[in-house]
Amino acid sequence: MLIDLHTHTNEYSPCSKMAPHALIETAIKRGLDGIVLTEHNYLRPPEEIDSLRKKFPQIKIFNGIEVSTEEKEHVLVYGVLKPDFFYTHMPLSELEQIVKSENGIMVLAHPFRYKDEISEEYFSRDVEGLEIASINVKKYMKKGYDYLLSKKDFIKVMGSDSHTTLTVGTFATNFNKDIEDEADLVQAIRSKEFTLYKNIEAIKKLENSEELLY
């Protein structure tokens, strides 16, 4: 089951130029089986996700969030479905408590994008996954990624970090089994029963394709 784990829309992520229907329609055209909506510091209410699922029954739509932490990193959270739990620049320690209490999972997104070092908190806290490829994971980050992977056995996943339709599904994670809901998604990531996917033809069309790490 091919899922883009990292997408943004212009409804709740100001940096995105893509409406939800455009994202979903493009994902369907590119052969994705599912997408996760991971808006910046905003978890969509369940009724909005249900509405999108009814409009687009041909693809699985999952709820998630990208949280900007106090430690100046971005963390993707899957499996936590209570919008009131999150806020911008929350400490990683607090985020960890929330995610654990809801049996969710945390994935570190594009580290070293904004600075050349990373807090040791990300090794001691329960950040289980690492997004090793997206349109915002570049070659200049390789040394940092090598350091991260030498320090901790992260679960490696891929997602596009799409903000425009051009990049939807460029990177994704291909799970070995069907996933019905967010709890299934968390279990599937933890199981490591998946392969990593990149859409070579779509990547070739990107202006900065030669700068990408993978």
Protein backbone atom coordinates (compact mmCIF):
# COMPACT_ATOMS: atom_id res chain seq x y z
CA MET A 1 0.00 0.00 0.00
CA LEU A 2 1.76 3.10 -1.30
CA ILE A 3 1.33 6.08 1.05
CA ASP A 4 2.74 9.60 0.94
CA LEU A 5 3.34 10.25 4.64
CA HIS A 6 3.97 14.01 4.45
CA THR A 7 1.69 16.50 2.68
CA HIS A 8 0.40 20.05 3.24
CA THR A 9 -2.58 22.03 1.94
CA ASN A 10 -3.29 25.74 1.77
CA GLU A 11 -6.20 25.39 4.19
CA TYR A 12 -3.97 25.13 7.26
CA SER A 13 -0.36 25.36 6.07
CA PRO A 14 0.26 28.93 4.83
CA CYS A 15 3.36 27.83 2.92
CA SER A 16 1.33 25.44 0.76
CA LYS A 17 -0.12 26.44 -2.61
CA MET A 18 -2.29 23.34 -2.92
CA ALA A 19 -5.96 22.91 -2.06
CA PRO A 20 -6.99 19.58 -0.49
CA HIS A 21 -8.95 18.43 -3.56
CA ALA A 22 -5.94 19.18 -5.80
CA LEU A 23 -3.64 17.19 -3.52
CA ILE A 24 -5.97 14.22 -3.40
CA GLU A 25 -6.75 14.20 -7.12
CA THR A 26 -3.04 14.35 -7.95
CA ALA A 27 -2.28 11.53 -5.50
CA ILE A 28 -4.89 9.36 -7.21
CA LYS A 29 -3.47 10.15 -10.67
CA ARG A 30 0.03 9.23 -9.49
CA GLY A 31 -1.08 5.83 -8.26
CA LEU A 32 -0.90 6.41 -4.54
CA ASP A 33 -3.09 4.25 -2.33
CA GLY A 34 -3.10 6.75 0.52
CA ILE A 35 -1.92 10.11 1.82
CA VAL A 36 -1.42 11.59 5.26
CA LEU A 37 -2.42 15.22 5.77
CA THR A 38 0.30 16.65 8.02
CA GLU A 39 -0.45 20.34 8.35
CA HIS A 40 1.96 22.58 10.22
CA ASN A 41 1.04 22.63 13.92
CA TYR A 42 -2.59 21.85 13.17
CA LEU A 43 -4.45 18.57 13.40
CA ARG A 44 -7.63 18.53 11.36
CA PRO A 45 -10.89 17.85 13.22
CA PRO A 46 -12.21 14.30 12.59
CA GLU A 47 -15.27 15.58 10.76
CA GLU A 48 -13.10 17.23 8.10
CA ILE A 49 -11.21 14.02 7.45
CA ASP A 50 -14.49 12.10 7.27
CA SER A 51 -15.83 14.60 4.73
CA LEU A 52 -12.76 14.20 2.51
CA ARG A 53 -13.00 10.42 2.76
CA LYS A 54 -16.60 10.50 1.56
CA LYS A 55 -15.68 12.74 -1.40
CA PHE A 56 -12.69 10.58 -2.40
CA PRO A 57 -13.46 6.94 -1.52
CA GLN A 58 -10.92 5.69 -4.07
CA ILE A 59 -7.96 6.64 -1.83
CA LYS A 60 -7.20 6.31 1.87
CA ILE A 61 -6.88 9.63 3.69
CA PHE A 62 -5.18 9.71 7.09
CA ASN A 63 -4.85 12.47 9.67
CA GLY A 64 -1.47 13.57 11.02
CA ILE A 65 0.46 16.68 11.99
CA GLU A 66 3.89 18.27 11.63
CA VAL A 67 4.84 19.87 14.94
CA SER A 68 7.46 22.61 15.28
CA THR A 69 9.18 21.84 18.57
CA GLU A 70 10.87 24.11 21.07
CA GLU A 71 14.17 22.48 20.05
CA LYS A 72 13.74 23.99 16.56
CA GLU A 73 13.06 20.74 14.72
CA HIS A 74 9.94 19.47 12.97
CA VAL A 75 8.34 16.22 14.07
CA LEU A 76 5.69 14.28 12.15
CA VAL A 77 3.15 12.67 14.47
CA TYR A 78 0.89 9.80 13.45
CA GLY A 79 -1.82 8.09 15.48
CA VAL A 80 -2.83 10.98 17.77
CA LEU A 81 -6.28 12.28 16.82
CA LYS A 82 -7.05 14.91 19.45
CA PRO A 83 -6.47 18.41 17.98
CA ASP A 84 -6.28 20.21 21.33
CA PHE A 85 -3.12 18.36 22.33
CA PHE A 86 -0.78 20.33 20.04
CA TYR A 87 0.67 23.82 19.86
CA THR A 88 3.58 25.53 18.11
CA HIS A 89 7.03 25.30 19.72
CA MET A 90 6.01 22.69 22.26
CA PRO A 91 8.91 21.00 24.09
CA LEU A 92 9.85 17.59 22.73
CA SER A 93 9.45 16.15 26.24
CA GLU A 94 5.80 17.24 26.32
CA LEU A 95 5.16 16.02 22.80
CA GLU A 96 6.65 12.66 23.74
CA GLN A 97 4.26 12.29 26.69
CA ILE A 98 1.23 13.03 24.51
CA VAL A 99 2.27 10.68 21.73
CA LYS A 100 3.02 7.86 24.17
CA SER A 101 -0.31 8.33 25.97
CA GLU A 102 -2.16 7.92 22.66
CA ASN A 103 0.07 5.11 21.33
CA GLY A 104 1.16 7.28 18.42
CA ILE A 105 4.56 7.54 16.79
CA MET A 106 7.00 10.40 16.13
CA VAL A 107 9.11 10.78 12.99
CA LEU A 108 11.83 13.43 12.70
CA ALA A 109 11.39 15.41 9.47
CA HIS A 110 14.17 17.06 7.43
CA PRO A 111 16.69 17.64 10.28
CA PHE A 112 19.55 20.04 9.48
CA ARG A 113 17.33 21.99 7.12
CA TYR A 114 17.55 25.14 9.24
CA LYS A 115 20.68 24.57 11.36
CA ASP A 116 23.84 22.47 11.45
CA GLU A 117 23.30 20.71 14.74
CA ILE A 118 20.56 18.82 16.52
CA SER A 119 19.54 18.60 20.16
CA GLU A 120 20.61 15.47 22.01
CA GLU A 121 16.96 15.23 23.09
CA TYR A 122 16.23 13.52 19.79
CA PHE A 123 18.42 10.59 20.78
CA SER A 124 17.16 10.18 24.34
CA ARG A 125 13.46 10.79 23.63
CA ASP A 126 11.14 8.31 21.94
CA VAL A 127 11.45 9.63 18.40
CA GLU A 128 11.23 6.34 16.55
CA GLY A 129 11.35 7.35 12.90
CA LEU A 130 13.44 9.45 10.55
CA GLU A 131 12.26 10.84 7.23
CA ILE A 132 15.29 10.07 5.10
CA ALA A 133 13.93 11.54 1.86
CA SER A 134 11.57 14.29 0.79
CA ILE A 135 11.78 17.33 -1.47
CA ASN A 136 13.32 19.14 1.51
CA VAL A 137 16.06 16.61 2.26
CA LYS A 138 19.10 17.84 0.33
CA LYS A 139 22.65 16.66 -0.32
CA TYR A 140 24.14 19.19 2.09
CA MET A 141 22.38 17.33 4.93
CA LYS A 142 24.19 14.04 4.28
CA LYS A 143 26.82 14.47 6.98
CA GLY A 144 24.11 15.26 9.50
CA TYR A 145 22.04 12.26 8.45
CA ASP A 146 25.06 9.97 8.71
CA TYR A 147 25.62 11.27 12.23
CA LEU A 148 21.98 10.68 13.21
CA LEU A 149 21.96 7.14 11.90
CA SER A 150 25.23 6.35 13.65
CA LYS A 151 23.73 7.44 16.97
CA LYS A 152 20.31 5.78 16.81
CA ASP A 153 18.56 3.00 14.92
CA PHE A 154 15.73 5.10 13.50
CA ILE A 155 12.94 3.59 11.42
CA LYS A 156 13.56 5.05 7.96
CA VAL A 157 10.55 6.32 6.02
CA MET A 158 9.94 8.56 3.01
CA GLY A 159 7.31 11.20 2.25
CA SER A 160 7.12 14.02 -0.25
CA ASP A 161 6.62 17.06 2.05
CA SER A 162 4.45 18.35 -0.79
CA HIS A 163 3.29 21.94 -0.88
CA THR A 164 2.38 21.89 -4.60
CA THR A 165 0.86 19.27 -6.88
CA LEU A 166 4.16 18.95 -8.75
CA THR A 167 5.76 17.12 -5.83
CA VAL A 168 2.92 14.87 -4.63
CA GLY A 169 4.13 11.28 -4.37
CA THR A 170 7.71 12.03 -5.36
CA PHE A 171 8.72 10.10 -2.25
CA ALA A 172 6.49 7.64 -0.39
CA THR A 173 6.49 4.51 1.74
CA ASN A 174 5.13 1.24 0.33
CA PHE A 175 3.62 -0.90 3.07
CA ASN A 176 3.26 -4.66 2.70
CA LYS A 177 -0.30 -4.77 4.03
CA ASP A 178 -3.53 -2.80 3.82
CA ILE A 179 -3.94 0.06 6.27
CA GLU A 180 -7.43 1.10 7.32
CA ASP A 181 -6.89 3.79 9.93
CA GLU A 182 -4.26 5.79 11.81
CA ALA A 183 -3.72 3.06 14.41
CA ASP A 184 -2.94 0.62 11.59
CA LEU A 185 -0.51 3.18 10.15
CA VAL A 186 1.40 3.44 13.42
CA GLN A 187 1.66 -0.36 13.66
CA ALA A 188 2.77 -0.61 10.04
CA ILE A 189 5.57 1.93 10.53
CA ARG A 190 6.74 0.15 13.67
CA SER A 191 6.69 -3.21 11.93
CA LYS A 192 9.22 -1.99 9.33
CA GLU A 193 7.38 -4.17 6.82
CA PHE A 194 7.62 -1.75 3.96
CA THR A 195 9.87 -0.56 1.17
CA LEU A 196 10.89 2.97 0.29
CA TYR A 197 9.65 4.50 -2.93
CA LYS A 198 10.57 7.38 -5.18
CA ASN A 199 8.85 8.43 -8.39
CA ILE A 200 11.83 8.92 -10.69
CA GLU A 201 9.86 10.55 -13.51
CA ALA A 202 8.21 13.07 -11.18
CA ILE A 203 11.52 13.86 -9.49
CA LYS A 204 13.21 14.54 -12.83
CA LYS A 205 10.69 17.33 -13.45
CA LEU A 206 11.68 19.21 -10.30
CA GLU A 207 13.96 22.23 -10.69
CA ASN A 208 16.17 21.17 -7.77
CA SER A 209 16.20 17.43 -8.42
CA GLU A 210 20.00 17.31 -8.56
CA GLU A 211 20.14 18.79 -5.04
CA LEU A 212 18.09 16.02 -3.40
CA LEU A 213 19.88 13.58 -1.12
CA TYR A 214 18.11 10.53 -2.58
